[in-house]
Amino acid sequence: MSETDDDAILDAVDRFLAREVRPVAMRLEHADEYPHALVEGMKALGLFGATIGAEHGGLGLSPVTYARIVERVAAEWMSLSGIFNSHLIMAWITERLGTEAQKRAFLPRFATGELRGGLALTEPDCGTDLRAIRTTARRDGDHYVVNGTKTWISNGIEGSCYALLVKTGPAGSREAQHISMLLAEKGPGFTVGRRLEKLGYKGLDSAELVFTDYRVPADRLIGGVEGRGLACALTGLELGRVNVAARGVGIAQRALDEALAYAKTRRTFGRPIAEHQAIAMKLADMATRTEAARLLTEKAARMLASGARSDLEAGMAKLFATEAAVENSLEAMRIHGGYGYSKEYVVERLYRDAPLLVIGEGTNEIQRLVIAKRLVGEG
């Protein structure tokens, strides 16, 4: 796809956000209501197929353009970006590691949004340590029989298909060869447990998924070979971390925009507060953090697009951009004073949304370890 085509898509996204999202985002967020109409709009724009190749019905966008879309969406309402991010992680894994039959069967339906879902890794007693998962998949003829529970799964209620990490070897084994990934569509034995309430990130359904003797056709084993589950998860998280970094840039930028607009109109001691040195310094730091986060994210996206190893760059981008989002959201609230604490202003929402980013797709503590290990290894 050409740069001109990419620009046209970005323009279309901007128009959609201004026309359809901004007027309703505050109401939907406060009500914690799933945005069904906006999802239909995103389907029409092709966002559920953003990174899926054109040969499978997707837009075939590069990670760089995808990151720019995510930044724009997150700046308007971060929850919307989560609806298609988890879905595209599943598609990214399928397109890169799935069999040809799996690509033909699933990617066209993923691209249209007919079949939507996400990534099912986390369990009640297992988050970062994926080798400790307890959800099992036992081979039974032409099927796998799955038992276990996943939690904090984005799109868990509204979605219909998930890239499901399972243990296909002995219970308690931590060996990578005993961990696999299945494409699991909802059906008998697959139930949604409870909807999980959150501080922020409202509107997007996060849920517990329960599997009780749930049967999955064996041809849904991603790649057709057992023992590739961790490789699938890490492949998906490469895109996921670029996405979360881009969300951080979006939140940081919106916080800056809101703070700057307010500081230019709010007056104390006879002049706009933007002219007071204390506020001016905050604005300068916010702008610098935002631009640095954007550049790190773009570099990580370019590395991912090139096919080169990108865990160092993605880790740096995710770490810096999400911390920038948290810092900028707090500074925006402080610049707004008492109004920043009011639900009538968007900065209150940014302040609640931003902390998720330092936790999601691998905590920032994990990113620091990834960065350090790469540095030591390269040294």
Protein backbone atom coordinates (compact mmCIF):
# COMPACT_ATOMS: atom_id res chain seq x y z
CA MET A 1 0.00 0.00 0.00
CA SER A 2 1.36 3.43 -0.95
CA GLU A 3 1.99 6.37 1.37
CA THR A 4 -0.89 8.19 -0.33
CA ASP A 5 -3.23 5.29 0.49
CA ASP A 6 -2.02 5.32 4.08
CA ASP A 7 -2.69 9.06 4.34
CA ALA A 8 -6.20 8.53 2.97
CA ILE A 9 -6.88 5.89 5.62
CA LEU A 10 -5.57 8.16 8.37
CA ASP A 11 -7.79 10.97 7.11
CA ALA A 12 -10.79 8.63 7.14
CA VAL A 13 -10.00 7.60 10.71
CA ASP A 14 -9.72 11.25 11.76
CA ARG A 15 -13.14 12.02 10.25
CA PHE A 16 -14.71 8.99 11.93
CA LEU A 17 -13.29 10.00 15.31
CA ALA A 18 -14.47 13.60 15.00
CA ARG A 19 -17.92 12.76 13.64
CA GLU A 20 -18.83 9.53 15.43
CA VAL A 21 -16.65 9.07 18.50
CA ARG A 22 -16.07 12.46 20.14
CA PRO A 23 -19.78 13.28 20.56
CA VAL A 24 -20.53 10.02 22.44
CA ALA A 25 -17.27 8.90 24.07
CA MET A 26 -17.87 10.66 27.39
CA ARG A 27 -21.39 9.26 27.77
CA LEU A 28 -20.42 5.70 26.81
CA GLU A 29 -17.37 5.78 29.07
CA HIS A 30 -19.30 6.98 32.10
CA ALA A 31 -21.99 4.36 31.49
CA ASP A 32 -19.36 1.63 30.91
CA GLU A 33 -21.39 0.73 27.82
CA TYR A 34 -20.06 -1.39 24.97
CA PRO A 35 -19.96 0.81 21.83
CA HIS A 36 -21.83 -1.40 19.37
CA ALA A 37 -22.47 1.36 16.83
CA LEU A 38 -18.83 2.48 16.89
CA VAL A 39 -17.70 -1.10 16.34
CA GLU A 40 -19.82 -1.21 13.20
CA GLY A 41 -18.11 1.99 12.09
CA MET A 42 -14.70 0.48 12.69
CA LYS A 43 -15.72 -2.58 10.69
CA ALA A 44 -16.73 -0.32 7.81
CA LEU A 45 -13.34 1.41 7.96
CA GLY A 46 -11.60 -1.97 7.80
CA LEU A 47 -9.84 -1.56 11.16
CA PHE A 48 -10.41 -5.18 12.14
CA GLY A 49 -8.30 -6.11 9.13
CA ALA A 50 -5.79 -3.27 9.47
CA THR A 51 -2.64 -5.42 9.58
CA ILE A 52 -4.06 -8.45 7.73
CA GLY A 53 -2.69 -8.89 4.22
CA ALA A 54 -4.76 -7.76 1.24
CA GLU A 55 -4.71 -11.31 -0.12
CA HIS A 56 -6.82 -12.28 2.90
CA GLY A 57 -9.17 -9.32 2.64
CA GLY A 58 -7.38 -6.96 5.01
CA LEU A 59 -5.91 -3.49 4.52
CA GLY A 60 -2.33 -4.79 4.71
CA LEU A 61 -1.11 -1.74 6.65
CA SER A 62 2.42 -1.60 7.98
CA PRO A 63 2.93 -1.54 11.76
CA VAL A 64 4.00 2.11 11.35
CA THR A 65 0.64 3.18 9.90
CA TYR A 66 -1.17 0.93 12.33
CA ALA A 67 0.60 2.64 15.25
CA ARG A 68 -0.48 6.03 13.92
CA ILE A 69 -4.08 4.86 13.78
CA VAL A 70 -3.89 3.55 17.33
CA GLU A 71 -2.44 6.86 18.56
CA ARG A 72 -5.35 8.76 17.04
CA VAL A 73 -7.99 6.38 18.39
CA ALA A 74 -6.48 6.28 21.89
CA ALA A 75 -6.33 10.06 22.03
CA GLU A 76 -10.09 10.14 21.41
CA TRP A 77 -11.12 7.13 23.52
CA MET A 78 -8.58 4.47 24.46
CA SER A 79 -11.12 1.70 24.92
CA LEU A 80 -11.85 1.61 21.19
CA SER A 81 -8.23 0.76 20.41
CA GLY A 82 -8.46 -2.26 22.72
CA ILE A 83 -11.41 -3.65 20.80
CA PHE A 84 -9.38 -4.11 17.63
CA ASN A 85 -5.91 -4.53 19.17
CA SER A 86 -6.52 -7.85 20.92
CA HIS A 87 -8.32 -9.03 17.80
CA LEU A 88 -5.38 -8.09 15.57
CA ILE A 89 -2.89 -9.82 17.85
CA MET A 90 -4.82 -13.04 17.21
CA ALA A 91 -4.81 -12.31 13.47
CA TRP A 92 -1.08 -11.42 13.52
CA ILE A 93 -0.25 -14.78 15.12
CA THR A 94 -2.47 -16.68 12.66
CA GLU A 95 -1.03 -14.92 9.61
CA ARG A 96 2.59 -15.52 10.63
CA LEU A 97 2.49 -18.92 12.30
CA GLY A 98 -0.77 -20.54 11.20
CA THR A 99 -1.13 -23.22 8.54
CA GLU A 100 -2.31 -22.26 5.07
CA ALA A 101 -5.67 -23.87 5.81
CA GLN A 102 -6.01 -21.83 9.01
CA LYS A 103 -5.17 -18.62 7.16
CA ARG A 104 -7.79 -19.34 4.50
CA ALA A 105 -10.43 -20.28 7.05
CA PHE A 106 -9.95 -17.48 9.57
CA LEU A 107 -8.17 -14.41 8.20
CA PRO A 108 -10.92 -13.27 5.77
CA ARG A 109 -13.49 -13.45 8.59
CA PHE A 110 -11.11 -11.68 10.97
CA ALA A 111 -10.56 -8.94 8.39
CA THR A 112 -14.25 -8.11 8.03
CA GLY A 113 -14.90 -8.27 11.76
CA GLU A 114 -17.42 -11.06 11.22
CA LEU A 115 -15.30 -13.11 13.61
CA ARG A 116 -13.81 -11.00 16.40
CA GLY A 117 -11.96 -11.84 19.57
CA GLY A 118 -8.57 -11.65 21.13
CA LEU A 119 -5.71 -13.24 22.99
CA ALA A 120 -6.37 -15.56 25.94
CA LEU A 121 -3.16 -15.94 27.96
CA THR A 122 -3.74 -14.75 31.52
CA GLU A 123 -5.10 -17.02 34.24
CA PRO A 124 -6.15 -16.34 37.84
CA ASP A 125 -2.77 -17.56 39.15
CA CYS A 126 -0.67 -16.77 36.10
CA GLY A 127 0.03 -13.47 34.40
CA THR A 128 3.60 -12.73 33.37
CA ASP A 129 4.80 -16.32 33.94
CA LEU A 130 3.13 -18.01 30.98
CA ARG A 131 4.93 -21.30 31.62
CA ALA A 132 2.80 -21.65 34.74
CA ILE A 133 -0.55 -21.87 32.91
CA ARG A 134 -2.93 -24.57 34.11
CA THR A 135 -5.46 -24.66 31.27
CA THR A 136 -5.01 -28.07 29.66
CA ALA A 137 -5.78 -29.42 26.20
CA ARG A 138 -5.85 -33.21 25.99
CA ARG A 139 -5.85 -34.85 22.55
CA ASP A 140 -8.90 -37.02 21.97
CA GLY A 141 -9.04 -38.33 18.40
CA ASP A 142 -9.60 -35.42 16.03
CA HIS A 143 -10.17 -32.96 18.86
CA TYR A 144 -8.55 -31.39 21.90
CA VAL A 145 -10.53 -31.36 25.14
CA VAL A 146 -9.85 -28.14 27.05
CA ASN A 147 -10.32 -27.49 30.76
CA GLY A 148 -9.32 -24.38 32.69
CA THR A 149 -9.98 -20.68 33.23
CA LYS A 150 -8.63 -17.52 31.64
CA THR A 151 -9.10 -14.06 33.11
CA TRP A 152 -8.79 -10.37 32.17
CA ILE A 153 -9.54 -11.29 28.57
CA SER A 154 -10.36 -8.27 26.41
CA ASN A 155 -13.42 -8.79 24.17
CA GLY A 156 -14.29 -11.77 26.35
CA ILE A 157 -18.03 -11.14 26.20
CA GLU A 158 -18.55 -9.57 22.79
CA GLY A 159 -15.87 -11.59 21.00
CA SER A 160 -16.36 -15.02 19.46
CA CYS A 161 -12.88 -16.45 18.80
CA TYR A 162 -9.62 -16.45 20.77
CA ALA A 163 -5.99 -17.41 20.42
CA LEU A 164 -5.97 -19.68 23.46
CA LEU A 165 -2.75 -20.66 25.24
CA VAL A 166 -2.97 -24.20 26.62
CA LYS A 167 -0.82 -26.91 28.13
CA THR A 168 -0.69 -29.95 25.85
CA GLY A 169 1.83 -31.85 27.99
CA PRO A 170 1.86 -33.09 31.60
CA ALA A 171 0.15 -30.89 34.17
CA GLY A 172 2.75 -28.86 36.05
CA SER A 173 5.33 -29.00 33.25
CA ARG A 174 7.08 -25.71 32.52
CA GLU A 175 8.66 -26.92 29.30
CA ALA A 176 7.95 -24.85 26.19
CA GLN A 177 7.41 -28.06 24.22
CA HIS A 178 4.30 -28.71 26.32
CA ILE A 179 2.64 -25.34 25.65
CA SER A 180 0.54 -24.77 22.52
CA MET A 181 -2.02 -22.35 21.12
CA LEU A 182 -5.46 -23.07 19.67
CA LEU A 183 -7.93 -20.98 17.70
CA ALA A 184 -10.96 -21.41 19.93
CA GLU A 185 -14.44 -20.32 18.86
CA LYS A 186 -17.22 -20.13 21.41
CA GLY A 187 -19.33 -23.27 21.69
CA PRO A 188 -20.47 -25.97 24.12
CA GLY A 189 -18.17 -26.13 27.13
CA PHE A 190 -16.88 -22.58 26.55
CA THR A 191 -18.64 -20.13 28.84
CA VAL A 192 -18.10 -16.56 29.94
CA GLY A 193 -17.72 -16.28 33.68
CA ARG A 194 -17.92 -12.84 35.21
CA ARG A 195 -17.47 -9.42 33.68
CA LEU A 196 -14.58 -7.71 35.44
CA GLU A 197 -15.07 -4.15 36.68
CA LYS A 198 -12.18 -1.73 36.11
CA LEU A 199 -10.98 1.67 37.27
CA GLY A 200 -10.72 2.89 33.69
CA TYR A 201 -10.72 1.35 30.21
CA LYS A 202 -14.50 1.44 30.38
CA GLY A 203 -16.79 0.24 27.62
CA LEU A 204 -14.43 -2.56 26.61
CA ASP A 205 -15.54 -5.88 28.08
CA SER A 206 -12.90 -7.68 30.14
CA ALA A 207 -14.06 -11.09 31.26
CA GLU A 208 -13.27 -14.46 32.72
CA LEU A 209 -13.49 -17.38 30.27
CA VAL A 210 -14.24 -20.88 31.59
CA PHE A 211 -13.56 -24.12 29.69
CA THR A 212 -15.23 -27.33 30.85
CA ASP A 213 -14.57 -30.32 28.58
CA TYR A 214 -14.62 -27.88 25.68
CA ARG A 215 -13.80 -29.64 22.41
CA VAL A 216 -11.70 -27.94 19.72
CA PRO A 217 -10.97 -29.59 16.35
CA ALA A 218 -7.30 -30.60 16.22
CA ASP A 219 -6.83 -28.66 12.99
CA ARG A 220 -7.23 -25.45 15.06
CA LEU A 221 -3.80 -26.01 16.64
CA ILE A 222 -1.91 -22.96 15.37
CA GLY A 223 0.87 -24.08 13.06
CA GLY A 224 -0.35 -27.67 13.25
CA VAL A 225 2.42 -28.60 15.70
CA GLU A 226 2.32 -28.81 19.49
CA GLY A 227 4.88 -26.91 21.52
CA ARG A 228 4.72 -23.58 19.66
CA GLY A 229 2.46 -21.78 22.12
CA LEU A 230 5.10 -19.54 23.66
CA ALA A 231 6.43 -18.62 20.22
CA CYS A 232 2.88 -17.68 19.21
CA ALA A 233 2.39 -15.56 22.32
CA LEU A 234 5.68 -13.72 21.89
CA THR A 235 4.97 -13.11 18.20
CA GLY A 236 1.63 -11.57 19.09
CA LEU A 237 3.05 -9.48 21.90
CA GLU A 238 5.51 -7.84 19.49
CA LEU A 239 2.55 -6.17 17.80
CA GLY A 240 0.77 -5.73 21.12
CA ARG A 241 3.62 -3.77 22.64
CA VAL A 242 3.80 -1.43 19.68
CA ASN A 243 0.05 -0.96 20.06
CA VAL A 244 0.29 -0.18 23.77
CA ALA A 245 3.16 2.23 23.15
CA ALA A 246 1.03 3.98 20.53
CA ARG A 247 -1.84 4.18 22.99
CA GLY A 248 0.57 5.81 25.44
CA VAL A 249 1.47 8.39 22.81
CA GLY A 250 -2.22 9.06 22.20
CA ILE A 251 -3.00 9.56 25.88
CA ALA A 252 0.09 11.73 26.36
CA GLN A 253 -0.84 13.87 23.35
CA ARG A 254 -4.47 14.32 24.41
CA ALA A 255 -3.37 15.24 27.94
CA LEU A 256 -1.01 17.83 26.48
CA ASP A 257 -3.69 19.20 24.16
CA GLU A 258 -6.23 19.53 26.96
CA ALA A 259 -3.71 21.10 29.34
CA LEU A 260 -2.46 23.59 26.76
CA ALA A 261 -5.95 24.66 25.73
CA TYR A 262 -6.97 25.17 29.35
CA ALA A 263 -3.74 26.98 30.30
CA LYS A 264 -4.20 29.46 27.46
CA THR A 265 -7.73 30.42 28.56
CA ARG A 266 -7.63 30.11 32.36
CA ARG A 267 -6.44 33.39 33.86
CA THR A 268 -4.92 34.17 37.26
CA PHE A 269 -3.31 37.39 38.43
CA GLY A 270 -4.41 39.07 35.24
CA ARG A 271 -2.89 36.74 32.65
CA PRO A 272 -3.30 33.19 31.23
CA ILE A 273 -1.75 30.57 33.48
CA ALA A 274 0.31 29.34 30.50
CA GLU A 275 2.40 32.47 30.98
CA HIS A 276 3.27 31.55 34.56
CA GLN A 277 6.65 29.87 34.70
CA ALA A 278 5.51 26.90 36.80
CA ILE A 279 2.82 25.98 34.25
CA ALA A 280 5.02 26.76 31.24
CA MET A 281 7.66 24.30 32.49
CA LYS A 282 5.05 21.56 32.91
CA LEU A 283 3.81 22.11 29.35
CA ALA A 284 7.36 21.99 27.97
CA ASP A 285 8.07 18.70 29.73
CA MET A 286 4.76 17.21 28.58
CA ALA A 287 5.44 18.15 24.95
CA THR A 288 8.98 16.75 25.08
CA ARG A 289 7.85 13.46 26.62
CA THR A 290 5.12 13.08 24.00
CA GLU A 291 7.43 13.65 21.06
CA ALA A 292 10.12 11.33 22.45
CA ALA A 293 7.49 8.63 23.01
CA ARG A 294 6.22 9.04 19.46
CA LEU A 295 9.70 8.67 17.97
CA LEU A 296 10.49 5.57 20.04
CA THR A 297 7.18 4.02 19.03
CA GLU A 298 7.76 4.73 15.35
CA LYS A 299 11.22 3.18 15.53
CA ALA A 300 9.82 0.03 17.14
CA ALA A 301 7.08 -0.15 14.51
CA ARG A 302 9.62 0.18 11.70
CA MET A 303 11.74 -2.60 13.19
CA LEU A 304 8.67 -4.82 13.41
CA ALA A 305 7.73 -3.99 9.82
CA SER A 306 11.21 -4.93 8.61
CA GLY A 307 10.93 -8.41 10.12
CA ALA A 308 13.96 -7.81 12.32
CA ARG A 309 14.02 -8.72 15.98
CA SER A 310 12.29 -5.84 17.78
CA ASP A 311 11.89 -6.81 21.42
CA LEU A 312 14.46 -4.24 22.58
CA GLU A 313 12.91 -1.39 20.62
CA ALA A 314 9.34 -2.42 21.45
CA GLY A 315 10.25 -2.75 25.12
CA MET A 316 11.80 0.72 25.18
CA ALA A 317 8.85 2.26 23.35
CA LYS A 318 6.30 0.55 25.56
CA LEU A 319 8.16 1.52 28.72
CA PHE A 320 8.72 5.18 27.85
CA ALA A 321 5.43 5.92 26.10
CA THR A 322 3.25 4.43 28.81
CA GLU A 323 5.13 6.20 31.59
CA ALA A 324 4.74 9.40 29.55
CA ALA A 325 0.99 8.80 29.43
CA VAL A 326 0.80 8.42 33.20
CA GLU A 327 2.94 11.50 33.85
CA ASN A 328 1.14 13.68 31.32
CA SER A 329 -2.30 12.66 32.54
CA LEU A 330 -1.36 13.64 36.10
CA GLU A 331 0.18 16.92 35.00
CA ALA A 332 -2.91 17.74 32.94
CA MET A 333 -5.06 17.17 36.00
CA ARG A 334 -2.84 19.40 38.11
CA ILE A 335 -2.88 22.16 35.52
CA HIS A 336 -6.68 22.00 35.46
CA GLY A 337 -6.78 22.28 39.25
CA GLY A 338 -10.14 21.33 40.75
CA TYR A 339 -11.71 21.01 37.30
CA GLY A 340 -9.29 18.21 36.48
CA TYR A 341 -10.88 16.12 39.19
CA SER A 342 -14.34 16.58 37.71
CA LYS A 343 -15.95 14.00 35.44
CA GLU A 344 -17.04 16.85 33.20
CA TYR A 345 -13.49 17.11 31.85
CA VAL A 346 -11.72 14.50 29.74
CA VAL A 347 -8.50 14.71 31.78
CA GLU A 348 -10.21 12.78 34.56
CA ARG A 349 -10.74 9.90 32.13
CA LEU A 350 -7.16 10.05 30.86
CA TYR A 351 -5.94 9.84 34.45
CA ARG A 352 -7.95 6.62 34.97
CA ASP A 353 -7.06 5.06 31.62
CA ALA A 354 -3.30 5.66 31.64
CA PRO A 355 -2.29 3.30 34.51
CA LEU A 356 -3.51 0.25 32.58
CA LEU A 357 -0.81 0.86 30.00
CA VAL A 358 2.08 0.33 32.43
CA ILE A 359 0.56 -3.09 33.27
CA GLY A 360 -0.81 -4.39 29.97
CA GLU A 361 1.16 -6.46 27.41
CA GLY A 362 3.86 -7.12 29.99
CA THR A 363 4.41 -4.80 32.95
CA ASN A 364 6.96 -2.03 32.69
CA GLU A 365 9.10 -3.90 35.20
CA ILE A 366 9.23 -6.77 32.71
CA GLN A 367 10.11 -4.33 29.92
CA ARG A 368 13.08 -3.12 31.97
CA LEU A 369 14.29 -6.69 32.36
CA VAL A 370 13.89 -7.36 28.63
CA ILE A 371 15.86 -4.22 27.81
CA ALA A 372 18.60 -5.02 30.31
CA LYS A 373 18.99 -8.62 29.12
CA ARG A 374 19.34 -7.49 25.52
CA LEU A 375 21.90 -4.88 26.51
CA VAL A 376 23.94 -7.37 28.49
CA GLY A 377 23.66 -9.95 25.75
CA GLU A 378 24.78 -7.48 23.09
CA GLY A 379 27.62 -6.30 25.32
